Amino acid sequence: MSSQPIVTDELASENSETAETHVAAQEVDAVSTETRLKTILADILALDPNDADALTVESGLFGHLPELDSMAVAGLLTEIEDRFDIVIEDDDVDGEMLEAFGGLLAFVEAKLEES
């Protein structure tokens, strides 16, 4: 009979650890989305990784980074689709999402939530 409370305690401990792991995973996902997006920008635009890492939500993209021209946009969006396993429809793309890093980040996060 003494084994029953131990099983209950073990289950409670596992449930607590699972909940903590889930919260930690969500926090990592939020950080990793931003980090992954910066890595994609560095890779596709041949930016210095430190310059890409320094991007903030206010940092301008299209029209501010000479490397991000209309030809590079197609490659960038294709790479975002591939690395995040999302689909970007033509209707999804507008100037606002590419105006600043924060807009692009918000767009990718919204697409990730959809999938």
N, C-alpha and C. Protein backbone atom coordinates (compact mmCIF):
# COMPACT_ATOMS: atom_id res chain seq x y z
N MET A 1 0.80 -1.20 0.00
CA MET A 1 0.00 0.00 0.00
C MET A 1 0.85 1.27 0.00
N SER A 2 2.02 1.19 0.50
CA SER A 2 2.86 2.38 0.54
C SER A 2 3.32 2.80 -0.86
N SER A 3 3.21 1.89 -1.82
CA SER A 3 3.63 2.25 -3.17
C SER A 3 2.65 3.18 -3.86
N GLN A 4 1.38 3.20 -3.47
CA GLN A 4 0.39 4.06 -4.11
C GLN A 4 0.72 5.55 -3.96
N PRO A 5 1.02 6.06 -2.76
CA PRO A 5 1.38 7.48 -2.65
C PRO A 5 2.64 7.82 -3.43
N ILE A 6 3.57 6.87 -3.53
CA ILE A 6 4.78 7.13 -4.28
C ILE A 6 4.45 7.31 -5.76
N VAL A 7 3.57 6.46 -6.29
CA VAL A 7 3.15 6.59 -7.68
C VAL A 7 2.49 7.94 -7.88
N THR A 8 1.61 8.32 -6.95
CA THR A 8 0.94 9.61 -7.04
C THR A 8 1.94 10.75 -7.00
N ASP A 9 2.92 10.66 -6.08
CA ASP A 9 3.95 11.68 -6.00
C ASP A 9 4.78 11.74 -7.28
N GLU A 10 5.08 10.55 -7.84
CA GLU A 10 5.84 10.52 -9.08
C GLU A 10 5.06 11.16 -10.22
N LEU A 11 3.76 10.88 -10.30
CA LEU A 11 2.93 11.48 -11.35
C LEU A 11 2.84 12.98 -11.17
N ALA A 12 2.67 13.43 -9.94
CA ALA A 12 2.61 14.87 -9.68
C ALA A 12 3.91 15.53 -10.08
N SER A 13 5.02 14.87 -9.75
CA SER A 13 6.32 15.41 -10.10
C SER A 13 6.50 15.45 -11.62
N GLU A 14 6.07 14.39 -12.32
CA GLU A 14 6.17 14.36 -13.78
C GLU A 14 5.30 15.44 -14.41
N ASN A 15 4.08 15.63 -13.89
CA ASN A 15 3.19 16.68 -14.42
C ASN A 15 3.79 18.05 -14.21
N SER A 16 4.39 18.28 -13.06
CA SER A 16 5.02 19.56 -12.77
C SER A 16 6.19 19.81 -13.71
N GLU A 17 7.02 18.77 -13.89
CA GLU A 17 8.16 18.89 -14.79
C GLU A 17 7.72 19.12 -16.22
N THR A 18 6.65 18.45 -16.64
CA THR A 18 6.12 18.63 -18.00
C THR A 18 5.64 20.05 -18.19
N ALA A 19 4.93 20.60 -17.23
CA ALA A 19 4.43 21.97 -17.32
C ALA A 19 5.59 22.95 -17.38
N GLU A 20 6.61 22.73 -16.55
CA GLU A 20 7.78 23.61 -16.55
C GLU A 20 8.52 23.51 -17.88
N THR A 21 8.65 22.32 -18.41
CA THR A 21 9.32 22.12 -19.68
C THR A 21 8.56 22.80 -20.80
N HIS A 22 7.23 22.72 -20.77
CA HIS A 22 6.39 23.36 -21.79
C HIS A 22 6.57 24.88 -21.76
N VAL A 23 6.57 25.47 -20.58
CA VAL A 23 6.76 26.92 -20.45
C VAL A 23 8.15 27.30 -20.95
N ALA A 24 9.16 26.53 -20.55
CA ALA A 24 10.52 26.81 -21.00
C ALA A 24 10.63 26.69 -22.52
N ALA A 25 9.97 25.70 -23.10
CA ALA A 25 10.00 25.52 -24.55
C ALA A 25 9.36 26.71 -25.26
N GLN A 26 8.27 27.23 -24.70
CA GLN A 26 7.62 28.40 -25.31
C GLN A 26 8.55 29.60 -25.28
N GLU A 27 9.27 29.80 -24.16
CA GLU A 27 10.20 30.91 -24.07
C GLU A 27 11.33 30.75 -25.07
N VAL A 28 11.86 29.54 -25.21
CA VAL A 28 12.92 29.28 -26.16
C VAL A 28 12.43 29.50 -27.58
N ASP A 29 11.18 29.07 -27.88
CA ASP A 29 10.63 29.27 -29.21
C ASP A 29 10.58 30.75 -29.57
N ALA A 30 10.16 31.58 -28.63
CA ALA A 30 10.07 33.02 -28.90
C ALA A 30 11.45 33.58 -29.21
N VAL A 31 12.43 33.20 -28.44
CA VAL A 31 13.79 33.66 -28.67
C VAL A 31 14.35 33.05 -29.95
N SER A 32 14.12 31.77 -30.15
CA SER A 32 14.71 31.11 -31.30
C SER A 32 14.11 31.60 -32.62
N THR A 33 12.86 32.02 -32.62
CA THR A 33 12.27 32.57 -33.84
C THR A 33 13.02 33.83 -34.25
N GLU A 34 13.26 34.71 -33.30
CA GLU A 34 14.00 35.94 -33.60
C GLU A 34 15.43 35.61 -34.03
N THR A 35 16.07 34.73 -33.31
CA THR A 35 17.45 34.36 -33.62
C THR A 35 17.53 33.68 -34.98
N ARG A 36 16.60 32.76 -35.23
CA ARG A 36 16.59 32.06 -36.52
C ARG A 36 16.36 33.03 -37.67
N LEU A 37 15.47 34.00 -37.47
CA LEU A 37 15.19 34.98 -38.52
C LEU A 37 16.42 35.85 -38.79
N LYS A 38 17.12 36.23 -37.74
CA LYS A 38 18.35 37.00 -37.92
C LYS A 38 19.40 36.18 -38.67
N THR A 39 19.47 34.90 -38.39
CA THR A 39 20.41 34.02 -39.08
C THR A 39 20.06 33.93 -40.56
N ILE A 40 18.78 33.83 -40.85
CA ILE A 40 18.33 33.77 -42.25
C ILE A 40 18.71 35.06 -42.97
N LEU A 41 18.46 36.19 -42.34
CA LEU A 41 18.82 37.47 -42.95
C LEU A 41 20.32 37.54 -43.21
N ALA A 42 21.11 37.11 -42.24
CA ALA A 42 22.56 37.13 -42.42
C ALA A 42 22.98 36.22 -43.57
N ASP A 43 22.39 35.04 -43.63
CA ASP A 43 22.75 34.08 -44.68
C ASP A 43 22.35 34.56 -46.07
N ILE A 44 21.11 34.98 -46.21
CA ILE A 44 20.58 35.35 -47.53
C ILE A 44 21.16 36.67 -48.03
N LEU A 45 21.33 37.62 -47.12
CA LEU A 45 21.81 38.94 -47.54
C LEU A 45 23.32 39.10 -47.39
N ALA A 46 23.98 38.04 -46.94
CA ALA A 46 25.43 38.07 -46.71
C ALA A 46 25.81 39.19 -45.75
N LEU A 47 24.99 39.33 -44.70
CA LEU A 47 25.28 40.32 -43.66
C LEU A 47 26.28 39.74 -42.67
N ASP A 48 27.06 40.60 -42.06
CA ASP A 48 27.91 40.18 -40.96
C ASP A 48 26.99 39.67 -39.86
N PRO A 49 27.25 38.50 -39.29
CA PRO A 49 26.39 37.96 -38.24
C PRO A 49 26.19 38.92 -37.07
N ASN A 50 27.20 39.70 -36.74
CA ASN A 50 27.06 40.68 -35.64
C ASN A 50 26.09 41.79 -36.02
N ASP A 51 26.11 42.20 -37.29
CA ASP A 51 25.17 43.22 -37.76
C ASP A 51 23.75 42.67 -37.73
N ALA A 52 23.58 41.43 -38.15
CA ALA A 52 22.25 40.81 -38.12
C ALA A 52 21.77 40.66 -36.69
N ASP A 53 22.66 40.26 -35.79
CA ASP A 53 22.30 40.08 -34.39
C ASP A 53 21.91 41.41 -33.73
N ALA A 54 22.45 42.50 -34.24
CA ALA A 54 22.15 43.82 -33.67
C ALA A 54 20.80 44.39 -34.12
N LEU A 55 20.12 43.71 -35.04
CA LEU A 55 18.82 44.19 -35.50
C LEU A 55 17.83 44.22 -34.33
N THR A 56 17.06 45.28 -34.29
CA THR A 56 15.99 45.42 -33.29
C THR A 56 14.66 45.48 -34.03
N VAL A 57 13.56 45.47 -33.29
CA VAL A 57 12.26 45.52 -33.94
C VAL A 57 12.09 46.80 -34.76
N GLU A 58 12.80 47.85 -34.40
CA GLU A 58 12.70 49.12 -35.14
C GLU A 58 13.65 49.20 -36.34
N SER A 59 14.58 48.27 -36.44
CA SER A 59 15.57 48.32 -37.52
C SER A 59 14.89 48.22 -38.89
N GLY A 60 15.22 49.16 -39.75
CA GLY A 60 14.66 49.17 -41.09
C GLY A 60 15.24 48.05 -41.94
N LEU A 61 14.42 47.51 -42.82
CA LEU A 61 14.86 46.46 -43.72
C LEU A 61 14.81 46.96 -45.16
N PHE A 62 13.68 46.73 -45.84
CA PHE A 62 13.56 47.10 -47.25
C PHE A 62 13.66 48.62 -47.38
N GLY A 63 14.60 49.06 -48.21
CA GLY A 63 14.83 50.49 -48.37
C GLY A 63 15.88 51.02 -47.42
N HIS A 64 16.27 50.22 -46.44
CA HIS A 64 17.28 50.62 -45.47
C HIS A 64 18.55 49.78 -45.59
N LEU A 65 18.38 48.53 -45.94
CA LEU A 65 19.52 47.64 -46.17
C LEU A 65 19.72 47.52 -47.67
N PRO A 66 20.83 48.00 -48.18
CA PRO A 66 21.05 47.92 -49.62
C PRO A 66 21.05 46.48 -50.14
N GLU A 67 21.40 45.54 -49.27
CA GLU A 67 21.43 44.13 -49.67
C GLU A 67 20.03 43.57 -49.92
N LEU A 68 19.01 44.19 -49.30
CA LEU A 68 17.63 43.70 -49.44
C LEU A 68 16.93 44.47 -50.55
N ASP A 69 17.17 44.02 -51.78
CA ASP A 69 16.47 44.61 -52.92
C ASP A 69 15.34 43.67 -53.34
N SER A 70 14.65 44.00 -54.41
CA SER A 70 13.49 43.21 -54.81
C SER A 70 13.86 41.77 -55.15
N MET A 71 15.04 41.56 -55.71
CA MET A 71 15.48 40.20 -56.02
C MET A 71 15.76 39.40 -54.74
N ALA A 72 16.34 40.06 -53.76
CA ALA A 72 16.67 39.39 -52.50
C ALA A 72 15.41 39.04 -51.70
N VAL A 73 14.35 39.82 -51.87
CA VAL A 73 13.10 39.56 -51.14
C VAL A 73 12.58 38.16 -51.48
N ALA A 74 12.59 37.80 -52.75
CA ALA A 74 12.10 36.48 -53.15
C ALA A 74 12.92 35.37 -52.49
N GLY A 75 14.23 35.51 -52.51
CA GLY A 75 15.09 34.52 -51.88
C GLY A 75 14.89 34.46 -50.38
N LEU A 76 14.71 35.62 -49.76
CA LEU A 76 14.49 35.68 -48.32
C LEU A 76 13.20 34.97 -47.93
N LEU A 77 12.12 35.27 -48.65
CA LEU A 77 10.83 34.65 -48.34
C LEU A 77 10.86 33.14 -48.56
N THR A 78 11.53 32.71 -49.61
CA THR A 78 11.65 31.28 -49.88
C THR A 78 12.42 30.59 -48.76
N GLU A 79 13.48 31.22 -48.31
CA GLU A 79 14.29 30.63 -47.23
C GLU A 79 13.51 30.62 -45.91
N ILE A 80 12.72 31.65 -45.65
CA ILE A 80 11.88 31.67 -44.45
C ILE A 80 10.89 30.52 -44.50
N GLU A 81 10.27 30.32 -45.67
CA GLU A 81 9.34 29.19 -45.83
C GLU A 81 10.03 27.87 -45.52
N ASP A 82 11.21 27.69 -46.09
CA ASP A 82 11.93 26.42 -45.92
C ASP A 82 12.36 26.19 -44.47
N ARG A 83 12.95 27.18 -43.87
CA ARG A 83 13.52 26.98 -42.53
C ARG A 83 12.47 26.95 -41.42
N PHE A 84 11.36 27.64 -41.64
CA PHE A 84 10.30 27.64 -40.62
C PHE A 84 9.17 26.67 -40.97
N ASP A 85 9.26 26.05 -42.14
CA ASP A 85 8.23 25.12 -42.60
C ASP A 85 6.85 25.77 -42.60
N ILE A 86 6.78 26.93 -43.24
CA ILE A 86 5.52 27.66 -43.38
C ILE A 86 5.30 27.95 -44.86
N VAL A 87 4.09 28.37 -45.20
CA VAL A 87 3.77 28.75 -46.57
C VAL A 87 3.42 30.23 -46.57
N ILE A 88 4.08 30.97 -47.44
CA ILE A 88 3.81 32.40 -47.57
C ILE A 88 3.14 32.60 -48.92
N GLU A 89 1.90 33.02 -48.87
CA GLU A 89 1.13 33.29 -50.10
C GLU A 89 1.51 34.67 -50.64
N ASP A 90 1.34 34.87 -51.93
CA ASP A 90 1.64 36.17 -52.54
C ASP A 90 0.85 37.29 -51.86
N ASP A 91 -0.40 36.99 -51.50
CA ASP A 91 -1.25 38.01 -50.86
C ASP A 91 -0.76 38.39 -49.47
N ASP A 92 0.07 37.54 -48.86
CA ASP A 92 0.59 37.82 -47.52
C ASP A 92 1.67 38.89 -47.53
N VAL A 93 2.31 39.06 -48.66
CA VAL A 93 3.48 39.93 -48.75
C VAL A 93 3.06 41.36 -49.04
N ASP A 94 3.52 42.26 -48.17
CA ASP A 94 3.29 43.69 -48.41
C ASP A 94 4.49 44.47 -47.88
N GLY A 95 4.53 45.72 -48.23
CA GLY A 95 5.64 46.58 -47.83
C GLY A 95 5.78 46.73 -46.33
N GLU A 96 4.66 46.71 -45.63
CA GLU A 96 4.69 46.91 -44.18
C GLU A 96 5.45 45.80 -43.47
N MET A 97 5.27 44.55 -43.91
CA MET A 97 5.95 43.44 -43.24
C MET A 97 7.45 43.46 -43.48
N LEU A 98 7.89 44.11 -44.55
CA LEU A 98 9.31 44.18 -44.86
C LEU A 98 9.95 45.51 -44.48
N GLU A 99 9.14 46.41 -43.95
CA GLU A 99 9.65 47.74 -43.62
C GLU A 99 10.66 47.71 -42.48
N ALA A 100 10.36 46.91 -41.45
CA ALA A 100 11.24 46.84 -40.29
C ALA A 100 11.36 45.39 -39.83
N PHE A 101 12.42 45.10 -39.11
CA PHE A 101 12.64 43.75 -38.62
C PHE A 101 11.47 43.29 -37.75
N GLY A 102 10.92 44.17 -36.95
CA GLY A 102 9.79 43.81 -36.09
C GLY A 102 8.58 43.37 -36.88
N GLY A 103 8.34 44.00 -38.02
CA GLY A 103 7.22 43.61 -38.87
C GLY A 103 7.41 42.22 -39.46
N LEU A 104 8.63 41.94 -39.89
CA LEU A 104 8.93 40.62 -40.44
C LEU A 104 8.85 39.55 -39.36
N LEU A 105 9.36 39.87 -38.18
CA LEU A 105 9.30 38.94 -37.06
C LEU A 105 7.85 38.65 -36.67
N ALA A 106 7.03 39.68 -36.59
CA ALA A 106 5.61 39.49 -36.25
C ALA A 106 4.91 38.65 -37.31
N PHE A 107 5.24 38.88 -38.56
CA PHE A 107 4.65 38.11 -39.65
C PHE A 107 5.01 36.63 -39.52
N VAL A 108 6.28 36.33 -39.29
CA VAL A 108 6.72 34.93 -39.16
C VAL A 108 6.07 34.29 -37.95
N GLU A 109 6.02 35.00 -36.84
CA GLU A 109 5.38 34.44 -35.63
C GLU A 109 3.90 34.14 -35.87
N ALA A 110 3.20 35.03 -36.60
CA ALA A 110 1.80 34.80 -36.91
C ALA A 110 1.63 33.58 -37.81
N LYS A 111 2.52 33.43 -38.78
CA LYS A 111 2.47 32.26 -39.67
C LYS A 111 2.73 30.98 -38.90
N LEU A 112 3.64 31.02 -37.95
CA LEU A 112 3.93 29.85 -37.13
C LEU A 112 2.73 29.46 -36.28
N GLU A 113 2.00 30.44 -35.80
CA GLU A 113 0.81 30.16 -35.00
C GLU A 113 -0.29 29.53 -35.86
N GLU A 114 -0.36 29.94 -37.13
CA GLU A 114 -1.36 29.39 -38.05
C GLU A 114 -1.11 27.91 -38.34
N SER A 115 0.17 27.54 -38.36
CA SER A 115 0.48 26.15 -38.75
C SER A 115 0.50 25.20 -37.59
